[in-house]
Protein backbone atom coordinates (compact mmCIF):
# COMPACT_ATOMS: atom_id res chain seq x y z
CA MET A 1 5.37 7.50 -40.64
CA LYS A 2 8.15 5.01 -39.65
CA LEU A 3 10.73 5.82 -36.82
CA SER A 4 14.52 4.98 -36.73
CA ARG A 5 15.78 2.61 -34.07
CA PRO A 6 17.76 5.35 -31.95
CA VAL A 7 14.39 7.74 -31.81
CA SER A 8 12.19 4.23 -30.89
CA TRP A 9 14.80 3.20 -28.49
CA PHE A 10 14.94 6.65 -27.29
CA LEU A 11 11.33 6.75 -26.79
CA LEU A 12 10.86 3.29 -24.75
CA VAL A 13 13.71 4.32 -22.44
CA PHE A 14 11.59 7.65 -21.87
CA GLY A 15 8.76 5.88 -20.68
CA VAL A 16 9.96 3.98 -18.60
CA TRP A 17 12.68 6.89 -16.78
CA SER A 18 9.16 8.62 -17.17
CA TRP A 19 7.43 5.67 -14.39
CA VAL A 20 10.46 5.21 -12.83
CA ILE A 21 10.71 8.93 -11.60
CA TRP A 22 7.40 9.88 -11.03
CA VAL A 23 6.82 6.09 -8.92
CA THR A 24 9.18 7.09 -6.62
CA PHE A 25 8.29 11.07 -6.63
CA VAL A 26 4.53 9.87 -5.18
CA LYS A 27 6.04 7.25 -2.50
CA ASN A 28 8.08 10.35 -1.67
CA LEU A 29 5.41 12.32 -1.43
CA ILE A 30 3.00 10.35 0.06
CA LYS A 31 5.43 9.39 3.22
CA ASP A 32 6.10 13.36 3.34
CA SER A 33 7.00 14.48 7.17
CA SER A 34 7.65 18.05 6.28
CA GLY A 35 3.97 19.55 6.27
CA LEU A 36 4.21 20.19 2.71
CA ALA A 37 1.96 17.27 1.52
CA PHE A 38 -0.13 16.86 4.48
CA GLU A 39 -1.44 19.32 7.37
CA HIS A 40 -3.35 17.76 10.26
CA GLY A 41 -3.27 14.24 8.35
CA HIS A 42 -5.03 15.84 5.17
CA PRO A 43 -3.82 16.19 1.95
CA THR A 44 -2.56 20.23 1.15
CA ALA A 45 -2.71 21.57 -2.33
CA TYR A 46 0.36 20.69 -2.76
CA PHE A 47 -0.17 17.16 -2.54
CA TRP A 48 -3.59 17.59 -4.83
CA VAL A 49 -1.06 19.70 -7.60
CA HIS A 50 2.18 16.90 -7.55
CA LEU A 51 -0.25 14.07 -7.45
CA LEU A 52 -2.12 15.42 -10.77
CA LEU A 53 1.69 16.02 -12.11
CA ALA A 54 2.40 12.62 -11.25
CA VAL A 55 -0.59 10.91 -13.12
CA VAL A 56 -0.41 13.41 -16.53
CA SER A 57 2.95 12.03 -16.27
CA PHE A 58 2.33 8.44 -15.52
CA VAL A 59 -0.28 8.55 -18.67
CA LEU A 60 2.07 10.83 -20.96
CA GLY A 61 5.59 8.65 -20.14
CA THR A 62 2.67 5.68 -21.11
CA VAL A 63 1.88 6.86 -24.46
CA ILE A 64 5.46 7.69 -25.55
CA GLY A 65 7.18 4.81 -24.57
CA GLY A 66 4.23 2.75 -26.11
CA ILE A 67 4.78 4.62 -29.50
CA GLY A 68 8.57 3.83 -29.25
CA LEU A 69 7.44 0.30 -28.69
CA ARG A 70 5.61 -0.20 -31.61
CA GLY A 71 8.25 1.62 -33.51
CA LEU A 72 10.42 -1.61 -32.32
CA ARG A 73 8.27 -3.95 -33.03
CA ALA A 74 7.81 -2.41 -36.94
CA LEU A 75 11.44 -2.28 -37.33
CA ARG A 76 11.69 -5.58 -36.18
CA ARG A 77 8.70 -7.03 -38.93
CA THR A 78 10.98 -5.20 -41.72
CA SER A 79 14.20 -6.68 -41.03
């Protein structure tokens, strides 16, 4: 399958965006002082669920960004 240049760029940018957003979210989750993520110094279910969401998003962002990068490299080779 051959990806167009705009689609490849979109996938690459999506992957980078996913990492930026979720890294920021995890930093904020760890620093949480509202009592949602930690109760008496121990992680809550809220923390574990959102950490799992972040990890899944890291993996998907990496895979999707990698597909975009491979698409751009393939287009460069054929040009």
